Amino acid sequence: MNWKRALIAASAAIPVILLFAWGFTRDPGTIPSPLPGKPAPLFALDVFAPGQPPLNLPKGDTVRLADLRGRVVVLNFWASWCVACRSEHTVLSTTARLFAGRPVSFVGVLYNDRPALGEAWIAEMGGQSYPSVQDPDARTAIDYGLYGVPETFFIDGTGRVAYKQLGPVSESRLAKIVDSLIRALPATATDSAAKGGS
């Protein structure tokens, strides 16, 4: 009789053990996104923090994703209250400077925050090389399915989301993705950037 009970207990335990084993192979920080491979949601957002030359845009100017077609776009959602955003701020700003003159645009999107607080945070962090825009009512964040900040979306030259980074992006990953997306652009885009075109 005991062997029957042992067999029943083992039969019930094996699926549970296999489920746990499978769970340990998954990264709990990975949240699947439906956007990679699909067209990036369009937006038109006003600049509140202009950035620094040569990547700056006038305060009050409008950044339209449609106008950036043919370029790689690094879209970083952040907030002044976000502790993790501090760790990637220098990485984003430095990498944007390194790629200046190439067909890539870095854009910061302020999430659930006030522009005045965002400007103060940027000043406290020592400035920012690229512009940041405000997202009233977080409509763009909703369109992008934002889970929290920081999150970075990499948009290719055709306007499709190529990658999504959840949490702070490392310098090596950022440079590697941007470089690979620039290399995938048609030669005309990289040639015009080399000649000083945008």
Protein backbone atom coordinates (compact mmCIF):
# COMPACT_ATOMS: atom_id res chain seq x y z
CA MET A 1 0.00 0.00 0.00
CA ASN A 2 2.82 2.44 0.83
CA TRP A 3 4.31 2.16 -2.67
CA LYS A 4 0.97 3.28 -4.15
CA ARG A 5 0.90 6.36 -1.91
CA ALA A 6 4.52 7.13 -2.78
CA LEU A 7 3.76 6.79 -6.49
CA ILE A 8 0.73 9.13 -6.23
CA ALA A 9 2.76 11.69 -4.22
CA ALA A 10 5.63 11.55 -6.75
CA SER A 11 3.18 11.95 -9.64
CA ALA A 12 1.72 15.05 -8.03
CA ALA A 13 5.11 16.51 -7.02
CA ILE A 14 6.90 16.14 -10.37
CA PRO A 15 4.82 18.75 -12.27
CA VAL A 16 5.24 21.22 -9.38
CA ILE A 17 9.02 20.66 -9.31
CA LEU A 18 9.22 21.10 -13.09
CA LEU A 19 7.20 24.33 -12.87
CA PHE A 20 9.55 25.72 -10.20
CA ALA A 21 12.61 24.66 -12.23
CA TRP A 22 11.23 26.47 -15.29
CA GLY A 23 10.45 29.55 -13.17
CA PHE A 24 14.05 29.76 -11.97
CA THR A 25 15.24 30.04 -15.59
CA ARG A 26 13.11 33.19 -16.17
CA ASP A 27 14.28 36.73 -15.38
CA PRO A 28 11.69 38.25 -13.00
CA GLY A 29 12.64 41.75 -14.23
CA THR A 30 11.68 40.94 -17.81
CA ILE A 31 8.22 42.09 -18.75
CA PRO A 32 7.31 41.30 -22.33
CA SER A 33 6.31 44.22 -24.51
CA PRO A 34 4.14 44.00 -27.61
CA LEU A 35 5.94 46.96 -29.26
CA PRO A 36 9.30 45.59 -30.51
CA GLY A 37 8.96 44.93 -34.24
CA LYS A 38 5.88 47.16 -34.53
CA PRO A 39 5.55 50.81 -35.61
CA ALA A 40 6.39 53.21 -32.81
CA PRO A 41 3.39 55.25 -31.67
CA LEU A 42 3.63 58.76 -33.11
CA PHE A 43 3.91 61.77 -30.83
CA ALA A 44 4.33 65.55 -30.97
CA LEU A 45 5.66 66.84 -27.62
CA ASP A 46 6.94 70.24 -26.51
CA VAL A 47 10.54 70.76 -25.37
CA PHE A 48 10.84 72.04 -21.78
CA ALA A 49 14.57 71.36 -21.30
CA PRO A 50 16.55 72.31 -24.43
CA GLY A 51 19.73 70.30 -23.87
CA GLN A 52 23.23 71.50 -24.76
CA PRO A 53 24.79 72.38 -28.13
CA PRO A 54 25.09 70.77 -30.61
CA LEU A 55 22.15 68.51 -29.68
CA ASN A 56 19.90 71.19 -28.21
CA LEU A 57 16.48 72.32 -29.41
CA PRO A 58 14.77 75.60 -28.46
CA LYS A 59 12.53 75.52 -25.40
CA GLY A 60 8.91 75.37 -26.58
CA ASP A 61 9.87 73.71 -29.88
CA THR A 62 7.93 70.55 -30.75
CA VAL A 63 9.57 67.16 -31.26
CA ARG A 64 7.57 65.07 -33.73
CA LEU A 65 8.49 61.43 -34.20
CA ALA A 66 7.31 61.66 -37.82
CA ASP A 67 10.01 64.30 -38.47
CA LEU A 68 12.72 61.91 -37.24
CA ARG A 69 11.95 59.21 -39.82
CA GLY A 70 15.16 57.88 -41.37
CA ARG A 71 17.08 58.40 -38.12
CA VAL A 72 17.56 56.16 -35.09
CA VAL A 73 15.63 57.50 -32.07
CA VAL A 74 16.52 56.78 -28.45
CA LEU A 75 13.39 57.61 -26.44
CA ASN A 76 14.05 57.63 -22.69
CA PHE A 77 11.19 58.02 -20.19
CA TRP A 78 12.35 59.47 -16.86
CA ALA A 79 11.24 61.53 -13.84
CA SER A 80 12.87 63.73 -11.20
CA TRP A 81 11.52 61.45 -8.45
CA CYS A 82 13.02 58.33 -10.08
CA VAL A 83 16.08 57.11 -8.13
CA ALA A 84 17.14 54.64 -10.86
CA CYS A 85 17.09 57.45 -13.45
CA ARG A 86 20.11 58.99 -11.70
CA SER A 87 22.30 55.99 -12.47
CA GLU A 88 21.70 56.17 -16.22
CA HIS A 89 21.60 59.96 -16.69
CA THR A 90 25.34 60.39 -17.31
CA VAL A 91 25.41 57.31 -19.55
CA LEU A 92 22.64 58.70 -21.79
CA SER A 93 24.05 62.22 -21.91
CA THR A 94 27.63 61.07 -22.62
CA THR A 95 26.56 58.56 -25.28
CA ALA A 96 24.37 61.16 -27.01
CA ARG A 97 27.45 63.43 -27.26
CA LEU A 98 29.56 60.57 -28.63
CA PHE A 99 27.03 60.00 -31.43
CA ALA A 100 26.60 63.72 -32.26
CA GLY A 101 26.73 64.27 -36.01
CA ARG A 102 25.43 60.77 -36.73
CA PRO A 103 21.84 59.93 -37.74
CA VAL A 104 20.49 59.41 -34.21
CA SER A 105 18.30 61.57 -31.97
CA PHE A 106 18.10 61.20 -28.20
CA VAL A 107 14.87 62.46 -26.62
CA GLY A 108 13.98 62.45 -22.93
CA VAL A 109 10.29 62.23 -22.00
CA LEU A 110 9.29 63.51 -18.56
CA TYR A 111 6.86 61.05 -16.96
CA ASN A 112 4.24 62.04 -14.34
CA ASP A 113 6.28 65.03 -13.24
CA ARG A 114 6.32 68.82 -13.50
CA PRO A 115 8.68 70.50 -16.00
CA ALA A 116 10.02 72.86 -13.30
CA LEU A 117 11.06 69.86 -11.20
CA GLY A 118 12.54 68.20 -14.29
CA GLU A 119 14.61 71.30 -15.09
CA ALA A 120 15.86 71.53 -11.50
CA TRP A 121 16.81 67.83 -11.56
CA ILE A 122 18.72 68.23 -14.84
CA ALA A 123 20.61 71.21 -13.40
CA GLU A 124 21.41 69.22 -10.24
CA MET A 125 22.70 66.36 -12.40
CA GLY A 126 25.10 68.72 -14.23
CA GLY A 127 23.01 69.27 -17.36
CA GLN A 128 21.84 67.08 -20.19
CA SER A 129 23.22 66.97 -23.72
CA TYR A 130 19.91 66.24 -25.49
CA PRO A 131 16.42 67.78 -25.17
CA SER A 132 13.62 66.59 -22.93
CA VAL A 133 9.92 66.97 -23.67
CA GLN A 134 6.84 67.04 -21.49
CA ASP A 135 4.10 64.41 -21.82
CA PRO A 136 0.83 65.96 -20.60
CA ASP A 137 -1.49 63.41 -19.00
CA ALA A 138 1.15 60.73 -19.78
CA ARG A 139 -0.59 60.01 -23.10
CA THR A 140 2.63 59.06 -24.89
CA ALA A 141 3.68 56.87 -21.95
CA ILE A 142 0.33 55.09 -22.20
CA ASP A 143 0.74 54.64 -25.97
CA TYR A 144 4.15 53.04 -25.36
CA GLY A 145 2.79 50.77 -22.63
CA LEU A 146 5.14 52.18 -20.01
CA TYR A 147 5.50 50.04 -16.88
CA GLY A 148 7.57 52.59 -14.95
CA VAL A 149 10.72 54.68 -15.20
CA PRO A 150 13.32 54.54 -16.46
CA GLU A 151 12.40 52.83 -19.72
CA THR A 152 14.13 53.35 -23.05
CA PHE A 153 12.76 52.59 -26.50
CA PHE A 154 15.07 52.25 -29.50
CA ILE A 155 13.31 53.17 -32.75
CA ASP A 156 14.91 52.26 -36.07
CA GLY A 157 15.06 54.35 -39.24
CA THR A 158 11.79 52.89 -40.53
CA GLY A 159 9.90 54.05 -37.43
CA ARG A 160 9.65 50.63 -35.80
CA VAL A 161 10.49 49.86 -32.18
CA ALA A 162 13.63 47.72 -32.40
CA TYR A 163 14.31 47.24 -28.67
CA LYS A 164 12.91 48.14 -25.28
CA GLN A 165 15.08 48.54 -22.19
CA LEU A 166 13.32 48.20 -18.85
CA GLY A 167 15.28 49.90 -16.08
CA PRO A 168 18.59 51.76 -16.37
CA VAL A 169 20.50 51.13 -19.60
CA SER A 170 24.23 50.40 -19.39
CA GLU A 171 26.78 52.33 -21.45
CA SER A 172 27.89 49.26 -23.40
CA ARG A 173 24.34 48.13 -24.24
CA LEU A 174 23.29 51.65 -25.23
CA ALA A 175 26.26 52.17 -27.56
CA LYS A 176 25.95 48.67 -29.03
CA ILE A 177 22.24 49.02 -29.88
CA VAL A 178 22.58 52.56 -31.28
CA ASP A 179 25.59 51.58 -33.39
CA SER A 180 23.84 48.47 -34.77
CA LEU A 181 20.72 50.47 -35.69
CA ILE A 182 22.80 53.17 -37.41
CA ARG A 183 24.63 50.49 -39.42
CA ALA A 184 21.23 49.13 -40.52
CA LEU A 185 20.18 52.51 -41.97
CA PRO A 186 20.34 53.00 -45.74
CA ALA A 187 23.67 54.43 -46.90
CA THR A 188 22.05 57.76 -47.83
CA ALA A 189 21.12 58.48 -44.20
CA THR A 190 24.63 57.81 -42.89
CA ASP A 191 26.22 59.70 -45.81
CA SER A 192 24.17 62.86 -45.18
CA ALA A 193 25.02 62.71 -41.47
CA ALA A 194 28.72 62.42 -42.30
CA LYS A 195 28.42 65.55 -44.46
CA GLY A 196 26.81 67.45 -41.60
CA GLY A 197 23.17 66.82 -42.47
CA SER A 198 20.61 65.89 -39.86
